[in-house]
Amino acid sequence: MSEHDGQSEGATSTESVADGGVAQESQQPVTETPDESVTDIINKESTKTQLMVIVGVFAGVGIGMGITGYFTFDMFASGEEGVDAMTGAIIGIAAFMGVAIATPILGALLAVRASSVLQSEPDNQVFATVGAGAFVGHVLAFILASFIITQQLGEGSGFEFGEMIVDTVLAAVGAALASVVAVYLVRNQE
């Protein structure tokens, strides 16, 4: 009878060492559980930790880009009609586009990092983690950056925050897709 008989796959066993009786734990390879739901995966402790890291970095970048856009806009737009106002509008648009362009790239980079941390976890868990993290992170970063930048615009600017939410959620799919593809390529590079 082997020392692993009667244990389920993925269980930890304790083996004693002949020289001193020190116990070592050996971990069986992790197998994928096809019947795990996304909710089950998201509720795992390792997933929660990586989600907090991914979303936290996105939030920090969103705040940073918002502050940068706010003060850049302030530098060029004095609120007067003419060239200064036009330059400020161009800077504001560039700041919004910077956030939109940066988030899929940031998502892919964070996904590769999370994949490394979760290397012993099944693919479906890692894909769900990075996809959900990038999706939520993109939405949060864009909302934070947009809120900060639009504080310069004032009322009557024609900017509709509510309308932007739908486009932001749709764009978040791109960030999530970039993250999942990056992890897939890294994990299947053989």
N, C-alpha and C. Protein backbone atom coordinates (compact mmCIF):
# COMPACT_ATOMS: atom_id res chain seq x y z
N MET A 1 0.85 -1.19 0.00
CA MET A 1 0.00 0.00 0.00
C MET A 1 0.89 1.24 0.00
N SER A 2 0.67 2.17 -0.93
CA SER A 2 1.52 3.36 -1.01
C SER A 2 1.06 4.40 -0.01
N GLU A 3 1.94 5.39 0.23
CA GLU A 3 1.61 6.40 1.22
C GLU A 3 0.52 7.35 0.75
N HIS A 4 0.17 7.32 -0.54
CA HIS A 4 -0.85 8.22 -1.06
C HIS A 4 -2.19 7.53 -1.24
N ASP A 5 -2.28 6.20 -0.97
CA ASP A 5 -3.56 5.50 -1.11
C ASP A 5 -4.59 6.10 -0.17
N GLY A 6 -5.79 6.24 -0.66
CA GLY A 6 -6.86 6.76 0.18
C GLY A 6 -6.91 8.28 0.22
N GLN A 7 -5.99 8.95 -0.47
CA GLN A 7 -6.02 10.41 -0.49
C GLN A 7 -6.55 10.86 -1.83
N SER A 8 -7.30 11.90 -1.83
CA SER A 8 -7.82 12.42 -3.09
C SER A 8 -6.71 13.16 -3.82
N GLU A 9 -6.86 13.24 -5.14
CA GLU A 9 -5.86 13.94 -5.94
C GLU A 9 -5.84 15.40 -5.55
N GLY A 10 -4.64 15.96 -5.44
CA GLY A 10 -4.49 17.35 -5.05
C GLY A 10 -4.34 17.51 -3.55
N ALA A 11 -4.43 16.39 -2.79
CA ALA A 11 -4.30 16.48 -1.34
C ALA A 11 -2.84 16.54 -0.95
N THR A 12 -2.58 17.08 0.21
CA THR A 12 -1.22 17.18 0.71
C THR A 12 -0.93 15.96 1.57
N SER A 13 0.26 15.38 1.39
CA SER A 13 0.65 14.25 2.22
C SER A 13 1.88 14.64 3.02
N THR A 14 2.07 13.97 4.15
CA THR A 14 3.24 14.23 4.99
C THR A 14 4.13 13.01 4.94
N GLU A 15 5.40 13.22 4.62
CA GLU A 15 6.37 12.14 4.55
C GLU A 15 7.41 12.39 5.62
N SER A 16 7.80 11.33 6.32
CA SER A 16 8.83 11.52 7.34
C SER A 16 10.19 11.28 6.72
N VAL A 17 11.19 11.99 7.24
CA VAL A 17 12.55 11.88 6.75
C VAL A 17 13.31 11.02 7.75
N ALA A 18 14.10 10.06 7.25
CA ALA A 18 14.79 9.10 8.11
C ALA A 18 15.79 9.77 9.03
N ASP A 19 16.46 10.83 8.60
CA ASP A 19 17.50 11.43 9.43
C ASP A 19 16.94 12.55 10.31
N GLY A 20 16.33 12.20 11.38
CA GLY A 20 15.87 13.20 12.34
C GLY A 20 14.37 13.27 12.45
N GLY A 21 13.65 12.58 11.63
CA GLY A 21 12.20 12.55 11.74
C GLY A 21 11.51 13.86 11.41
N VAL A 22 12.13 14.73 10.59
CA VAL A 22 11.52 16.01 10.21
C VAL A 22 10.51 15.73 9.10
N ALA A 23 9.34 16.28 9.24
CA ALA A 23 8.29 16.04 8.25
C ALA A 23 8.37 17.07 7.14
N GLN A 24 8.14 16.63 5.93
CA GLN A 24 8.07 17.51 4.77
C GLN A 24 6.72 17.30 4.12
N GLU A 25 6.18 18.37 3.58
CA GLU A 25 4.91 18.23 2.88
C GLU A 25 5.18 18.25 1.39
N SER A 26 4.51 17.36 0.67
CA SER A 26 4.63 17.36 -0.78
C SER A 26 3.25 17.61 -1.36
N GLN A 27 3.20 18.41 -2.36
CA GLN A 27 1.93 18.79 -2.96
C GLN A 27 1.76 18.03 -4.27
N GLN A 28 0.64 17.36 -4.42
CA GLN A 28 0.32 16.70 -5.67
C GLN A 28 -0.01 17.77 -6.70
N PRO A 29 0.16 17.46 -7.98
CA PRO A 29 -0.17 18.46 -9.00
C PRO A 29 -1.65 18.86 -8.92
N VAL A 30 -1.90 20.11 -9.20
CA VAL A 30 -3.26 20.62 -9.17
C VAL A 30 -3.95 20.22 -10.46
N THR A 31 -5.16 19.71 -10.35
CA THR A 31 -5.91 19.35 -11.54
C THR A 31 -7.05 20.34 -11.71
N GLU A 32 -7.43 20.54 -12.96
CA GLU A 32 -8.52 21.46 -13.23
C GLU A 32 -9.84 20.80 -12.85
N THR A 33 -10.73 21.58 -12.32
CA THR A 33 -12.05 21.10 -11.97
C THR A 33 -13.02 21.75 -12.94
N PRO A 34 -13.46 21.00 -13.96
CA PRO A 34 -14.29 21.61 -15.00
C PRO A 34 -15.64 22.11 -14.50
N ASP A 35 -16.11 21.60 -13.37
CA ASP A 35 -17.42 22.03 -12.90
C ASP A 35 -17.37 23.23 -11.96
N GLU A 36 -16.19 23.84 -11.81
CA GLU A 36 -16.07 25.05 -10.99
C GLU A 36 -16.70 26.22 -11.73
N SER A 37 -17.54 26.96 -11.03
CA SER A 37 -18.14 28.14 -11.64
C SER A 37 -17.18 29.32 -11.47
N VAL A 38 -17.45 30.38 -12.21
CA VAL A 38 -16.64 31.59 -12.09
C VAL A 38 -16.72 32.12 -10.66
N THR A 39 -17.88 32.02 -10.05
CA THR A 39 -18.04 32.47 -8.67
C THR A 39 -17.14 31.68 -7.72
N ASP A 40 -17.08 30.35 -7.93
CA ASP A 40 -16.20 29.51 -7.10
C ASP A 40 -14.74 29.94 -7.27
N ILE A 41 -14.36 30.20 -8.50
CA ILE A 41 -12.98 30.60 -8.79
C ILE A 41 -12.67 31.95 -8.15
N ILE A 42 -13.57 32.91 -8.31
CA ILE A 42 -13.35 34.26 -7.78
C ILE A 42 -13.28 34.25 -6.25
N ASN A 43 -13.96 33.32 -5.62
CA ASN A 43 -13.98 33.26 -4.15
C ASN A 43 -12.77 32.56 -3.55
N LYS A 44 -11.87 32.01 -4.37
CA LYS A 44 -10.65 31.40 -3.84
C LYS A 44 -9.74 32.50 -3.30
N GLU A 45 -9.04 32.20 -2.22
CA GLU A 45 -8.18 33.20 -1.58
C GLU A 45 -7.08 33.70 -2.52
N SER A 46 -6.46 32.78 -3.28
CA SER A 46 -5.38 33.19 -4.19
C SER A 46 -5.92 34.11 -5.29
N THR A 47 -7.14 33.85 -5.73
CA THR A 47 -7.76 34.70 -6.74
C THR A 47 -8.07 36.08 -6.16
N LYS A 48 -8.63 36.11 -4.97
CA LYS A 48 -8.97 37.40 -4.34
C LYS A 48 -7.73 38.28 -4.18
N THR A 49 -6.64 37.67 -3.77
CA THR A 49 -5.40 38.44 -3.57
C THR A 49 -4.94 39.05 -4.88
N GLN A 50 -4.92 38.27 -5.95
CA GLN A 50 -4.47 38.79 -7.23
C GLN A 50 -5.45 39.82 -7.80
N LEU A 51 -6.74 39.62 -7.58
CA LEU A 51 -7.72 40.61 -8.02
C LEU A 51 -7.49 41.95 -7.33
N MET A 52 -7.21 41.91 -6.03
CA MET A 52 -6.95 43.16 -5.30
C MET A 52 -5.71 43.86 -5.85
N VAL A 53 -4.68 43.09 -6.17
CA VAL A 53 -3.46 43.69 -6.73
C VAL A 53 -3.76 44.31 -8.09
N ILE A 54 -4.40 43.55 -8.96
CA ILE A 54 -4.68 44.04 -10.33
C ILE A 54 -5.56 45.29 -10.28
N VAL A 55 -6.68 45.21 -9.59
CA VAL A 55 -7.61 46.35 -9.53
C VAL A 55 -6.96 47.54 -8.81
N GLY A 56 -6.17 47.27 -7.78
CA GLY A 56 -5.48 48.35 -7.07
C GLY A 56 -4.50 49.10 -7.95
N VAL A 57 -3.75 48.36 -8.76
CA VAL A 57 -2.80 49.02 -9.67
C VAL A 57 -3.56 49.84 -10.71
N PHE A 58 -4.64 49.27 -11.26
CA PHE A 58 -5.46 50.03 -12.21
C PHE A 58 -5.99 51.31 -11.57
N ALA A 59 -6.46 51.23 -10.33
CA ALA A 59 -6.99 52.42 -9.65
C ALA A 59 -5.90 53.47 -9.48
N GLY A 60 -4.72 53.04 -9.07
CA GLY A 60 -3.60 53.97 -8.91
C GLY A 60 -3.23 54.64 -10.21
N VAL A 61 -3.20 53.86 -11.29
CA VAL A 61 -2.88 54.43 -12.60
C VAL A 61 -3.99 55.37 -13.05
N GLY A 62 -5.24 55.01 -12.81
CA GLY A 62 -6.36 55.89 -13.17
C GLY A 62 -6.29 57.23 -12.46
N ILE A 63 -5.99 57.19 -11.16
CA ILE A 63 -5.85 58.43 -10.39
C ILE A 63 -4.67 59.24 -10.91
N GLY A 64 -3.56 58.57 -11.15
CA GLY A 64 -2.37 59.27 -11.67
C GLY A 64 -2.61 59.91 -13.02
N MET A 65 -3.27 59.18 -13.92
CA MET A 65 -3.56 59.75 -15.24
C MET A 65 -4.58 60.87 -15.13
N GLY A 66 -5.52 60.75 -14.22
CA GLY A 66 -6.50 61.82 -14.01
C GLY A 66 -5.85 63.09 -13.52
N ILE A 67 -4.97 62.97 -12.54
CA ILE A 67 -4.27 64.15 -12.01
C ILE A 67 -3.38 64.77 -13.08
N THR A 68 -2.69 63.92 -13.83
CA THR A 68 -1.84 64.43 -14.92
C THR A 68 -2.69 65.17 -15.95
N GLY A 69 -3.81 64.57 -16.35
CA GLY A 69 -4.69 65.23 -17.32
C GLY A 69 -5.27 66.52 -16.78
N TYR A 70 -5.63 66.53 -15.51
CA TYR A 70 -6.21 67.72 -14.88
C TYR A 70 -5.24 68.89 -14.94
N PHE A 71 -4.01 68.65 -14.51
CA PHE A 71 -3.05 69.76 -14.47
C PHE A 71 -2.50 70.11 -15.85
N THR A 72 -2.44 69.13 -16.74
CA THR A 72 -2.03 69.44 -18.11
C THR A 72 -3.09 70.31 -18.78
N PHE A 73 -4.34 69.96 -18.57
CA PHE A 73 -5.44 70.76 -19.10
C PHE A 73 -5.39 72.16 -18.51
N ASP A 74 -5.14 72.25 -17.21
CA ASP A 74 -5.06 73.54 -16.52
C ASP A 74 -3.94 74.41 -17.07
N MET A 75 -2.84 73.77 -17.46
CA MET A 75 -1.69 74.52 -17.98
C MET A 75 -2.03 75.25 -19.28
N PHE A 76 -2.81 74.59 -20.13
CA PHE A 76 -3.04 75.13 -21.47
C PHE A 76 -4.36 75.87 -21.62
N ALA A 77 -5.34 75.57 -20.79
CA ALA A 77 -6.65 76.19 -20.96
C ALA A 77 -6.90 77.18 -19.84
N SER A 78 -6.97 78.42 -20.19
CA SER A 78 -7.22 79.45 -19.18
C SER A 78 -8.71 79.74 -19.05
N GLY A 79 -9.54 79.00 -19.80
CA GLY A 79 -10.98 79.23 -19.73
C GLY A 79 -11.44 80.27 -20.72
N GLU A 80 -10.53 80.87 -21.47
CA GLU A 80 -10.89 81.89 -22.45
C GLU A 80 -11.18 81.22 -23.78
N GLU A 81 -11.88 81.94 -24.61
CA GLU A 81 -12.15 81.45 -25.96
C GLU A 81 -10.87 81.52 -26.77
N GLY A 82 -10.79 80.73 -27.81
CA GLY A 82 -9.66 80.84 -28.71
C GLY A 82 -8.68 79.69 -28.59
N VAL A 83 -7.42 80.02 -28.87
CA VAL A 83 -6.37 79.02 -28.97
C VAL A 83 -6.16 78.26 -27.67
N ASP A 84 -6.14 78.96 -26.53
CA ASP A 84 -5.92 78.28 -25.25
C ASP A 84 -7.00 77.25 -24.96
N ALA A 85 -8.26 77.62 -25.22
CA ALA A 85 -9.36 76.69 -24.97
C ALA A 85 -9.27 75.49 -25.91
N MET A 86 -8.91 75.74 -27.17
CA MET A 86 -8.78 74.65 -28.14
C MET A 86 -7.64 73.72 -27.74
N THR A 87 -6.51 74.28 -27.34
CA THR A 87 -5.37 73.47 -26.91
C THR A 87 -5.75 72.64 -25.69
N GLY A 88 -6.47 73.25 -24.76
CA GLY A 88 -6.92 72.53 -23.57
C GLY A 88 -7.84 71.38 -23.93
N ALA A 89 -8.73 71.60 -24.89
CA ALA A 89 -9.63 70.53 -25.32
C ALA A 89 -8.85 69.38 -25.95
N ILE A 90 -7.85 69.71 -26.74
CA ILE A 90 -7.02 68.67 -27.36
C ILE A 90 -6.28 67.88 -26.28
N ILE A 91 -5.74 68.58 -25.30
CA ILE A 91 -5.04 67.92 -24.19
C ILE A 91 -6.01 67.02 -23.42
N GLY A 92 -7.21 67.50 -23.19
CA GLY A 92 -8.22 66.70 -22.48
C GLY A 92 -8.55 65.42 -23.23
N ILE A 93 -8.73 65.54 -24.55
CA ILE A 93 -9.00 64.36 -25.37
C ILE A 93 -7.82 63.41 -25.34
N ALA A 94 -6.61 63.96 -25.41
CA ALA A 94 -5.41 63.12 -25.36
C ALA A 94 -5.32 62.38 -24.02
N ALA A 95 -5.71 63.04 -22.94
CA ALA A 95 -5.68 62.39 -21.62
C ALA A 95 -6.67 61.23 -21.57
N PHE A 96 -7.88 61.43 -22.10
CA PHE A 96 -8.86 60.35 -22.15
C PHE A 96 -8.36 59.20 -23.01
N MET A 97 -7.77 59.53 -24.15
CA MET A 97 -7.26 58.48 -25.04
C MET A 97 -6.08 57.75 -24.40
N GLY A 98 -5.27 58.48 -23.65
CA GLY A 98 -4.16 57.84 -22.95
C GLY A 98 -4.63 56.76 -22.00
N VAL A 99 -5.70 57.04 -21.28
CA VAL A 99 -6.27 56.05 -20.36
C VAL A 99 -6.80 54.86 -21.16
N ALA A 100 -7.51 55.14 -22.24
CA ALA A 100 -8.10 54.07 -23.05
C ALA A 100 -7.03 53.18 -23.68
N ILE A 101 -5.93 53.78 -24.10
CA ILE A 101 -4.85 53.00 -24.73
C ILE A 101 -4.01 52.28 -23.69
N ALA A 102 -3.80 52.90 -22.55
CA ALA A 102 -2.92 52.32 -21.53
C ALA A 102 -3.52 51.11 -20.83
N THR A 103 -4.84 51.07 -20.67
CA THR A 103 -5.41 50.01 -19.84
C THR A 103 -5.27 48.60 -20.42
N PRO A 104 -5.43 48.36 -21.72
CA PRO A 104 -5.18 47.00 -22.20
C PRO A 104 -3.71 46.58 -22.05
N ILE A 105 -2.81 47.54 -22.24
CA ILE A 105 -1.37 47.25 -22.06
C ILE A 105 -1.09 46.93 -20.60
N LEU A 106 -1.61 47.76 -19.71
CA LEU A 106 -1.44 47.53 -18.28
C LEU A 106 -2.06 46.18 -17.89
N GLY A 107 -3.23 45.89 -18.43
CA GLY A 107 -3.89 44.62 -18.13
C GLY A 107 -3.05 43.43 -18.54
N ALA A 108 -2.44 43.49 -19.73
CA ALA A 108 -1.60 42.38 -20.19
C ALA A 108 -0.37 42.21 -19.30
N LEU A 109 0.25 43.31 -18.92
CA LEU A 109 1.43 43.23 -18.05
C LEU A 109 1.08 42.67 -16.67
N LEU A 110 -0.01 43.13 -16.10
CA LEU A 110 -0.44 42.62 -14.80
C LEU A 110 -0.87 41.16 -14.90
N ALA A 111 -1.43 40.77 -16.04
CA ALA A 111 -1.86 39.39 -16.23
C ALA A 111 -0.66 38.44 -16.25
N VAL A 112 0.40 38.85 -16.92
CA VAL A 112 1.61 38.02 -16.95
C VAL A 112 2.17 37.87 -15.55
N ARG A 113 2.17 38.94 -14.78
CA ARG A 113 2.63 38.88 -13.39
C ARG A 113 1.75 37.94 -12.57
N ALA A 114 0.43 38.08 -12.68
CA ALA A 114 -0.49 37.23 -11.93
C ALA A 114 -0.34 35.77 -12.34
N SER A 115 -0.11 35.53 -13.61
CA SER A 115 0.09 34.16 -14.08
C SER A 115 1.31 33.53 -13.42
N SER A 116 2.35 34.33 -13.25
CA SER A 116 3.56 33.84 -12.59
C SER A 116 3.28 33.51 -11.13
N VAL A 117 2.55 34.38 -10.45
CA VAL A 117 2.21 34.14 -9.05
C VAL A 117 1.30 32.92 -8.90
N LEU A 118 0.38 32.76 -9.84
CA LEU A 118 -0.59 31.66 -9.79
C LEU A 118 -0.17 30.47 -10.66
N GLN A 119 1.12 30.28 -10.86
CA GLN A 119 1.58 29.26 -11.80
C GLN A 119 1.13 27.85 -11.43
N SER A 120 0.89 27.56 -10.17
CA SER A 120 0.46 26.22 -9.78
C SER A 120 -1.06 26.05 -9.84
N GLU A 121 -1.77 27.12 -10.17
CA GLU A 121 -3.23 27.06 -10.25
C GLU A 121 -3.66 26.66 -11.66
N PRO A 122 -4.85 26.09 -11.79
CA PRO A 122 -5.33 25.68 -13.11
C PRO A 122 -5.56 26.88 -14.04
N ASP A 123 -5.46 26.63 -15.33
CA ASP A 123 -5.62 27.69 -16.33
C ASP A 123 -6.93 28.45 -16.17
N ASN A 124 -8.04 27.71 -15.97
CA ASN A 124 -9.33 28.40 -15.89
C ASN A 124 -9.37 29.41 -14.74
N GLN A 125 -8.70 29.11 -13.64
CA GLN A 125 -8.65 30.05 -12.52
C GLN A 125 -7.84 31.29 -12.89
N VAL A 126 -6.72 31.09 -13.55
CA VAL A 126 -5.87 32.22 -13.93
C VAL A 126 -6.56 33.08 -14.98
N PHE A 127 -7.18 32.45 -15.97
CA PHE A 127 -7.90 33.21 -17.00
C PHE A 127 -9.02 34.05 -16.37
N ALA A 128 -9.80 33.43 -15.48
CA ALA A 128 -10.89 34.16 -14.82
C ALA A 128 -10.35 35.31 -13.97
N THR A 129 -9.24 35.06 -13.28
CA THR A 129 -8.66 36.08 -12.40
C THR A 129 -8.20 37.29 -13.20
N VAL A 130 -7.41 37.06 -14.24
CA VAL A 130 -6.87 38.20 -14.99
C VAL A 130 -7.94 38.88 -15.83
N GLY A 131 -8.87 38.10 -16.37
CA GLY A 131 -9.95 38.71 -17.15
C GLY A 131 -10.84 39.60 -16.30
N ALA A 132 -11.26 39.08 -15.15
CA ALA A 132 -12.11 39.87 -14.24
C ALA A 132 -11.35 41.07 -13.69
N GLY A 133 -10.10 40.86 -13.33
CA GLY A 133 -9.29 41.96 -12.78
C GLY A 133 -9.10 43.08 -13.78
N ALA A 134 -8.78 42.72 -15.02
CA ALA A 134 -8.58 43.74 -16.05
C ALA A 134 -9.89 44.45 -16.39
N PHE A 135 -10.99 43.70 -16.43
CA PHE A 135 -12.29 44.31 -16.75
C PHE A 135 -12.67 45.34 -15.69
N VAL A 136 -12.68 44.90 -14.43
CA VAL A 136 -13.05 45.81 -13.33
C VAL A 136 -12.03 46.94 -13.21
N GLY A 137 -10.75 46.60 -13.36
CA GLY A 137 -9.70 47.60 -13.26
C GLY A 137 -9.81 48.68 -14.32
N HIS A 138 -10.11 48.27 -15.56
CA HIS A 138 -10.28 49.24 -16.65
C HIS A 138 -11.42 50.20 -16.34
N VAL A 139 -12.56 49.64 -15.94
CA VAL A 139 -13.71 50.49 -15.64
C VAL A 139 -13.37 51.47 -14.51
N LEU A 140 -12.76 50.96 -13.46
CA LEU A 140 -12.41 51.81 -12.33
C LEU A 140 -11.39 52.89 -12.72
N ALA A 141 -10.35 52.50 -13.45
CA ALA A 141 -9.33 53.47 -13.86
C ALA A 141 -9.94 54.57 -14.73
N PHE A 142 -10.79 54.17 -15.66
CA PHE A 142 -11.39 55.15 -16.57
C PHE A 142 -12.33 56.08 -15.82
N ILE A 143 -13.11 55.54 -14.90
CA ILE A 143 -14.03 56.39 -14.12
C ILE A 143 -13.24 57.37 -13.26
N LEU A 144 -12.22 56.87 -12.57
CA LEU A 144 -11.42 57.76 -11.71
C LEU A 144 -10.72 58.85 -12.52
N ALA A 145 -10.06 58.45 -13.61
CA ALA A 145 -9.35 59.43 -14.44
C ALA A 145 -10.33 60.44 -15.04
N SER A 146 -11.44 59.95 -15.55
CA SER A 146 -12.43 60.84 -16.16
C SER A 146 -13.02 61.82 -15.16
N PHE A 147 -13.32 61.31 -13.97
CA PHE A 147 -13.88 62.19 -12.94
C PHE A 147 -12.91 63.31 -12.59
N ILE A 148 -11.65 62.96 -12.42
CA ILE A 148 -10.65 63.98 -12.05
C ILE A 148 -10.44 64.97 -13.19
N ILE A 149 -10.29 64.47 -14.41
CA ILE A 149 -10.05 65.35 -15.56
C ILE A 149 -11.24 66.29 -15.78
N THR A 150 -12.45 65.76 -15.68
CA THR A 150 -13.63 66.58 -15.98
C THR A 150 -13.88 67.66 -14.93
N GLN A 151 -13.21 67.61 -13.82
CA GLN A 151 -13.36 68.68 -12.83
C GLN A 151 -12.85 70.00 -13.40
N GLN A 152 -11.97 69.93 -14.39
CA GLN A 152 -11.48 71.14 -15.06
C GLN A 152 -12.50 71.70 -16.04
N LEU A 153 -13.36 70.84 -16.56
CA LEU A 153 -14.28 71.28 -17.61
C LEU A 153 -15.39 72.17 -17.09
N GLY A 154 -15.84 71.92 -15.89
CA GLY A 154 -16.93 72.71 -15.34
C GLY A 154 -18.26 72.35 -15.97
N GLU A 155 -19.32 73.00 -15.49
CA GLU A 155 -20.65 72.72 -16.02
C GLU A 155 -20.80 73.40 -17.38
N GLY A 156 -21.67 72.83 -18.18
CA GLY A 156 -21.90 73.38 -19.51
C GLY A 156 -20.89 72.92 -20.53
N SER A 157 -20.05 71.96 -20.17
CA SER A 157 -19.05 71.48 -21.11
C SER A 157 -19.63 70.48 -22.11
N GLY A 158 -20.82 69.95 -21.80
CA GLY A 158 -21.42 68.97 -22.69
C GLY A 158 -20.97 67.55 -22.40
N PHE A 159 -20.11 67.38 -21.43
CA PHE A 159 -19.62 66.04 -21.09
C PHE A 159 -20.68 65.32 -20.26
N GLU A 160 -21.08 64.14 -20.72
CA GLU A 160 -22.08 63.33 -20.02
C GLU A 160 -21.40 62.11 -19.41
N PHE A 161 -21.22 62.14 -18.11
CA PHE A 161 -20.55 61.05 -17.40
C PHE A 161 -21.32 59.74 -17.55
N GLY A 162 -22.64 59.79 -17.49
CA GLY A 162 -23.47 58.59 -17.60
C GLY A 162 -23.33 57.89 -18.94
N GLU A 163 -23.27 58.67 -20.02
CA GLU A 163 -23.12 58.09 -21.35
C GLU A 163 -21.76 57.43 -21.52
N MET A 164 -20.77 57.97 -20.83
CA MET A 164 -19.42 57.43 -20.93
C MET A 164 -19.32 56.03 -20.31
N ILE A 165 -20.15 55.75 -19.31
CA ILE A 165 -20.08 54.47 -18.60
C ILE A 165 -20.30 53.30 -19.56
N VAL A 166 -21.28 53.40 -20.44
CA VAL A 166 -21.56 52.30 -21.38
C VAL A 166 -20.35 52.03 -22.26
N ASP A 167 -19.76 53.08 -22.81
CA ASP A 167 -18.58 52.91 -23.65
C ASP A 167 -17.40 52.37 -22.86
N THR A 168 -17.27 52.79 -21.62
CA THR A 168 -16.18 52.31 -20.77
C THR A 168 -16.32 50.82 -20.50
N VAL A 169 -17.53 50.37 -20.22
CA VAL A 169 -17.76 48.94 -19.97
C VAL A 169 -17.47 48.13 -21.23
N LEU A 170 -17.88 48.64 -22.37
CA LEU A 170 -17.59 47.93 -23.62
C LEU A 170 -16.09 47.89 -23.90
N ALA A 171 -15.40 48.99 -23.64
CA ALA A 171 -13.95 49.02 -23.85
C ALA A 171 -13.22 48.12 -22.87
N ALA A 172 -13.81 47.89 -21.70
CA ALA A 172 -13.18 47.01 -20.70
C ALA A 172 -13.06 45.58 -21.22
N VAL A 173 -13.92 45.20 -22.14
CA VAL A 173 -13.82 43.87 -22.74
C VAL A 173 -12.48 43.73 -23.46
N GLY A 174 -12.02 44.80 -24.10
CA GLY A 174 -10.71 44.77 -24.77
C GLY A 174 -9.57 44.57 -23.79
N ALA A 175 -9.63 45.25 -22.65
CA ALA A 175 -8.58 45.09 -21.63
C ALA A 175 -8.60 43.67 -21.08
N ALA A 176 -9.79 43.12 -20.84
CA ALA A 176 -9.90 41.75 -20.33
C ALA A 176 -9.38 40.75 -21.36
N LEU A 177 -9.73 40.96 -22.61
CA LEU A 177 -9.28 40.06 -23.68
C LEU A 177 -7.76 40.09 -23.81
N ALA A 178 -7.18 41.29 -23.78
CA ALA A 178 -5.72 41.41 -23.87
C ALA A 178 -5.05 40.66 -22.72
N SER A 179 -5.63 40.72 -21.55
CA SER A 179 -5.07 40.04 -20.38
C SER A 179 -5.12 38.53 -20.53
N VAL A 180 -6.27 38.02 -20.94
CA VAL A 180 -6.43 36.57 -21.09
C VAL A 180 -5.53 36.04 -22.20
N VAL A 181 -5.44 36.75 -23.31
CA VAL A 181 -4.57 36.33 -24.41
C VAL A 181 -3.11 36.32 -23.97
N ALA A 182 -2.69 37.33 -23.23
CA ALA A 182 -1.31 37.38 -22.73
C ALA A 182 -1.00 36.17 -21.86
N VAL A 183 -1.91 35.84 -20.96
CA VAL A 183 -1.70 34.67 -20.08
C VAL A 183 -1.70 33.38 -20.89
N TYR A 184 -2.62 33.27 -21.83
CA TYR A 184 -2.67 32.07 -22.66
C TYR A 184 -1.35 31.86 -23.39
N LEU A 185 -0.83 32.92 -23.98
CA LEU A 185 0.44 32.81 -24.71
C LEU A 185 1.60 32.47 -23.79
N VAL A 186 1.64 33.07 -22.62
CA VAL A 186 2.73 32.79 -21.67
C VAL A 186 2.66 31.35 -21.18
N ARG A 187 1.47 30.87 -20.87
CA ARG A 187 1.32 29.53 -20.31
C ARG A 187 1.44 28.43 -21.36
N ASN A 188 1.33 28.78 -22.63
CA ASN A 188 1.39 27.79 -23.71
C ASN A 188 2.51 28.08 -24.68
N GLN A 189 3.65 28.54 -24.20
CA GLN A 189 4.74 28.95 -25.08
C GLN A 189 5.62 27.80 -25.55
N GLU A 190 5.31 26.59 -25.19
CA GLU A 190 6.16 25.45 -25.55
C GLU A 190 6.06 25.10 -27.00
